[in-house]
Amino acid sequence: DSTSAIDSATEDKIQQAIYAAAKGRTTLIITHRLSQIRWADQIVVLRGGRISAVGSHEELMEQSLAYRQIFQE
């Protein structure tokens, strides 16, 4: 993950810039860090190269074991 070696304040600034740049656009963000997808409308979970679940963070925490496991580690 490209932001794994930066402090949280810098990471927040980067995320705010991405959010501003993405406003009104379809944007794909590939990550395993919850902090980078907290504002996403839809999250796609891939397992074995295939889509295993789609939804908001709240929906996926309830419906997708694979998604929950990412954040319980």
N, C-alpha and C. Protein backbone atom coordinates (compact mmCIF):
# COMPACT_ATOMS: atom_id res chain seq x y z
N ASP A 1 0.85 -1.18 0.00
CA ASP A 1 0.00 0.00 0.00
C ASP A 1 0.89 1.24 0.00
N SER A 2 0.64 2.15 -0.89
CA SER A 2 1.50 3.32 -1.06
C SER A 2 1.49 4.28 0.11
N THR A 3 0.49 4.20 0.98
CA THR A 3 0.44 5.12 2.12
C THR A 3 0.85 4.46 3.43
N SER A 4 1.35 3.26 3.38
CA SER A 4 1.66 2.53 4.62
C SER A 4 2.84 3.12 5.38
N ALA A 5 3.69 3.89 4.72
CA ALA A 5 4.89 4.42 5.38
C ALA A 5 4.77 5.90 5.74
N ILE A 6 3.57 6.47 5.69
CA ILE A 6 3.42 7.89 6.03
C ILE A 6 2.62 8.04 7.32
N ASP A 7 2.76 9.21 7.93
CA ASP A 7 2.03 9.45 9.17
C ASP A 7 0.55 9.69 8.88
N SER A 8 -0.28 9.58 9.90
CA SER A 8 -1.73 9.65 9.71
C SER A 8 -2.20 11.03 9.25
N ALA A 9 -1.53 12.10 9.67
CA ALA A 9 -1.93 13.44 9.23
C ALA A 9 -1.70 13.60 7.72
N THR A 10 -0.57 13.11 7.24
CA THR A 10 -0.28 13.18 5.80
C THR A 10 -1.25 12.29 5.03
N GLU A 11 -1.53 11.12 5.57
CA GLU A 11 -2.48 10.21 4.92
C GLU A 11 -3.85 10.88 4.81
N ASP A 12 -4.30 11.57 5.85
CA ASP A 12 -5.58 12.28 5.80
C ASP A 12 -5.59 13.35 4.72
N LYS A 13 -4.49 14.09 4.59
CA LYS A 13 -4.41 15.13 3.54
C LYS A 13 -4.49 14.52 2.15
N ILE A 14 -3.81 13.40 1.96
CA ILE A 14 -3.85 12.72 0.67
C ILE A 14 -5.27 12.24 0.37
N GLN A 15 -5.93 11.66 1.37
CA GLN A 15 -7.29 11.17 1.17
C GLN A 15 -8.26 12.31 0.87
N GLN A 16 -8.09 13.44 1.53
CA GLN A 16 -8.95 14.59 1.25
C GLN A 16 -8.75 15.08 -0.18
N ALA A 17 -7.51 15.06 -0.65
CA ALA A 17 -7.22 15.48 -2.03
C ALA A 17 -7.84 14.51 -3.03
N ILE A 18 -7.74 13.22 -2.74
CA ILE A 18 -8.36 12.22 -3.62
C ILE A 18 -9.87 12.40 -3.64
N TYR A 19 -10.47 12.59 -2.48
CA TYR A 19 -11.91 12.79 -2.38
C TYR A 19 -12.34 14.00 -3.20
N ALA A 20 -11.61 15.10 -3.08
CA ALA A 20 -11.94 16.32 -3.82
C ALA A 20 -11.80 16.10 -5.33
N ALA A 21 -10.74 15.42 -5.74
CA ALA A 21 -10.52 15.17 -7.16
C ALA A 21 -11.54 14.19 -7.73
N ALA A 22 -12.04 13.29 -6.90
CA ALA A 22 -12.98 12.26 -7.36
C ALA A 22 -14.43 12.73 -7.38
N LYS A 23 -14.71 13.84 -6.75
CA LYS A 23 -16.10 14.31 -6.64
C LYS A 23 -16.73 14.44 -8.03
N GLY A 24 -17.88 13.79 -8.19
CA GLY A 24 -18.59 13.84 -9.46
C GLY A 24 -18.03 12.92 -10.53
N ARG A 25 -17.08 12.07 -10.15
CA ARG A 25 -16.45 11.16 -11.11
C ARG A 25 -16.52 9.72 -10.59
N THR A 26 -16.46 8.79 -11.49
CA THR A 26 -16.29 7.40 -11.10
C THR A 26 -14.80 7.19 -10.86
N THR A 27 -14.46 6.71 -9.68
CA THR A 27 -13.06 6.56 -9.28
C THR A 27 -12.85 5.18 -8.69
N LEU A 28 -11.80 4.51 -9.13
CA LEU A 28 -11.45 3.21 -8.57
C LEU A 28 -10.26 3.36 -7.66
N ILE A 29 -10.39 2.84 -6.44
CA ILE A 29 -9.28 2.84 -5.49
C ILE A 29 -9.07 1.39 -5.07
N ILE A 30 -7.86 0.91 -5.24
CA ILE A 30 -7.54 -0.47 -4.87
C ILE A 30 -6.73 -0.41 -3.58
N THR A 31 -7.27 -1.00 -2.51
CA THR A 31 -6.62 -0.91 -1.21
C THR A 31 -7.14 -1.99 -0.27
N HIS A 32 -6.43 -2.21 0.80
CA HIS A 32 -6.91 -3.08 1.87
C HIS A 32 -7.06 -2.28 3.16
N ARG A 33 -6.90 -0.97 3.08
CA ARG A 33 -6.96 -0.11 4.26
C ARG A 33 -8.34 0.55 4.37
N LEU A 34 -9.02 0.27 5.47
CA LEU A 34 -10.34 0.84 5.70
C LEU A 34 -10.34 2.35 5.60
N SER A 35 -9.30 2.99 6.11
CA SER A 35 -9.25 4.45 6.11
C SER A 35 -9.30 5.04 4.71
N GLN A 36 -8.90 4.29 3.70
CA GLN A 36 -8.89 4.81 2.34
C GLN A 36 -10.20 4.60 1.59
N ILE A 37 -11.09 3.83 2.16
CA ILE A 37 -12.37 3.60 1.48
C ILE A 37 -13.57 4.06 2.29
N ARG A 38 -13.30 4.77 3.37
CA ARG A 38 -14.39 5.14 4.28
C ARG A 38 -15.47 5.99 3.62
N TRP A 39 -15.14 6.72 2.56
CA TRP A 39 -16.12 7.58 1.90
C TRP A 39 -16.68 6.97 0.61
N ALA A 40 -16.31 5.73 0.31
CA ALA A 40 -16.75 5.10 -0.94
C ALA A 40 -18.26 4.81 -0.91
N ASP A 41 -18.92 5.06 -2.03
CA ASP A 41 -20.34 4.72 -2.16
C ASP A 41 -20.52 3.21 -2.30
N GLN A 42 -19.65 2.59 -3.07
CA GLN A 42 -19.71 1.15 -3.31
C GLN A 42 -18.30 0.58 -3.19
N ILE A 43 -18.21 -0.57 -2.54
CA ILE A 43 -16.94 -1.28 -2.38
C ILE A 43 -17.11 -2.63 -3.04
N VAL A 44 -16.12 -3.03 -3.82
CA VAL A 44 -16.15 -4.33 -4.49
C VAL A 44 -15.07 -5.19 -3.85
N VAL A 45 -15.46 -6.36 -3.36
CA VAL A 45 -14.53 -7.29 -2.73
C VAL A 45 -14.16 -8.36 -3.76
N LEU A 46 -12.86 -8.51 -4.00
CA LEU A 46 -12.37 -9.53 -4.93
C LEU A 46 -11.75 -10.68 -4.16
N ARG A 47 -12.07 -11.89 -4.55
CA ARG A 47 -11.47 -13.11 -3.97
C ARG A 47 -11.13 -14.03 -5.13
N GLY A 48 -9.87 -14.41 -5.22
CA GLY A 48 -9.47 -15.31 -6.30
C GLY A 48 -9.70 -14.73 -7.68
N GLY A 49 -9.59 -13.40 -7.80
CA GLY A 49 -9.77 -12.74 -9.09
C GLY A 49 -11.22 -12.56 -9.51
N ARG A 50 -12.15 -12.87 -8.63
CA ARG A 50 -13.58 -12.73 -8.94
C ARG A 50 -14.27 -11.86 -7.89
N ILE A 51 -15.34 -11.21 -8.31
CA ILE A 51 -16.11 -10.39 -7.38
C ILE A 51 -16.86 -11.31 -6.43
N SER A 52 -16.62 -11.12 -5.13
CA SER A 52 -17.32 -11.94 -4.14
C SER A 52 -18.41 -11.17 -3.40
N ALA A 53 -18.32 -9.83 -3.40
CA ALA A 53 -19.34 -9.03 -2.72
C ALA A 53 -19.25 -7.58 -3.18
N VAL A 54 -20.38 -6.89 -3.11
CA VAL A 54 -20.45 -5.47 -3.46
C VAL A 54 -21.40 -4.80 -2.47
N GLY A 55 -21.02 -3.62 -1.98
CA GLY A 55 -21.89 -2.89 -1.08
C GLY A 55 -21.16 -1.77 -0.37
N SER A 56 -21.84 -1.13 0.55
CA SER A 56 -21.20 -0.11 1.39
C SER A 56 -20.41 -0.82 2.48
N HIS A 57 -19.61 -0.08 3.22
CA HIS A 57 -18.84 -0.68 4.30
C HIS A 57 -19.76 -1.39 5.29
N GLU A 58 -20.83 -0.72 5.68
CA GLU A 58 -21.75 -1.29 6.65
C GLU A 58 -22.40 -2.57 6.12
N GLU A 59 -22.82 -2.55 4.86
CA GLU A 59 -23.44 -3.74 4.26
C GLU A 59 -22.45 -4.90 4.20
N LEU A 60 -21.23 -4.60 3.80
CA LEU A 60 -20.23 -5.66 3.67
C LEU A 60 -19.80 -6.22 5.02
N MET A 61 -19.76 -5.39 6.04
CA MET A 61 -19.41 -5.89 7.37
C MET A 61 -20.46 -6.90 7.85
N GLU A 62 -21.70 -6.72 7.43
CA GLU A 62 -22.77 -7.64 7.81
C GLU A 62 -22.82 -8.87 6.91
N GLN A 63 -22.54 -8.69 5.61
CA GLN A 63 -22.83 -9.73 4.63
C GLN A 63 -21.62 -10.51 4.12
N SER A 64 -20.41 -9.99 4.27
CA SER A 64 -19.24 -10.61 3.64
C SER A 64 -18.20 -11.03 4.67
N LEU A 65 -18.04 -12.32 4.84
CA LEU A 65 -17.02 -12.84 5.75
C LEU A 65 -15.63 -12.41 5.30
N ALA A 66 -15.36 -12.47 4.01
CA ALA A 66 -14.04 -12.08 3.49
C ALA A 66 -13.73 -10.62 3.83
N TYR A 67 -14.71 -9.75 3.68
CA TYR A 67 -14.52 -8.33 3.98
C TYR A 67 -14.28 -8.12 5.47
N ARG A 68 -15.10 -8.75 6.31
CA ARG A 68 -14.92 -8.63 7.76
C ARG A 68 -13.53 -9.08 8.19
N GLN A 69 -13.05 -10.15 7.60
CA GLN A 69 -11.75 -10.69 7.98
C GLN A 69 -10.62 -9.71 7.71
N ILE A 70 -10.75 -8.89 6.69
CA ILE A 70 -9.72 -7.90 6.38
C ILE A 70 -9.52 -6.96 7.56
N PHE A 71 -10.61 -6.57 8.21
CA PHE A 71 -10.54 -5.57 9.26
C PHE A 71 -10.44 -6.16 10.66
N GLN A 72 -10.52 -7.46 10.76
CA GLN A 72 -10.34 -8.11 12.06
C GLN A 72 -8.91 -8.57 12.27
N GLU A 73 -8.10 -8.51 11.22
CA GLU A 73 -6.69 -8.93 11.32
C GLU A 73 -5.86 -7.89 12.00
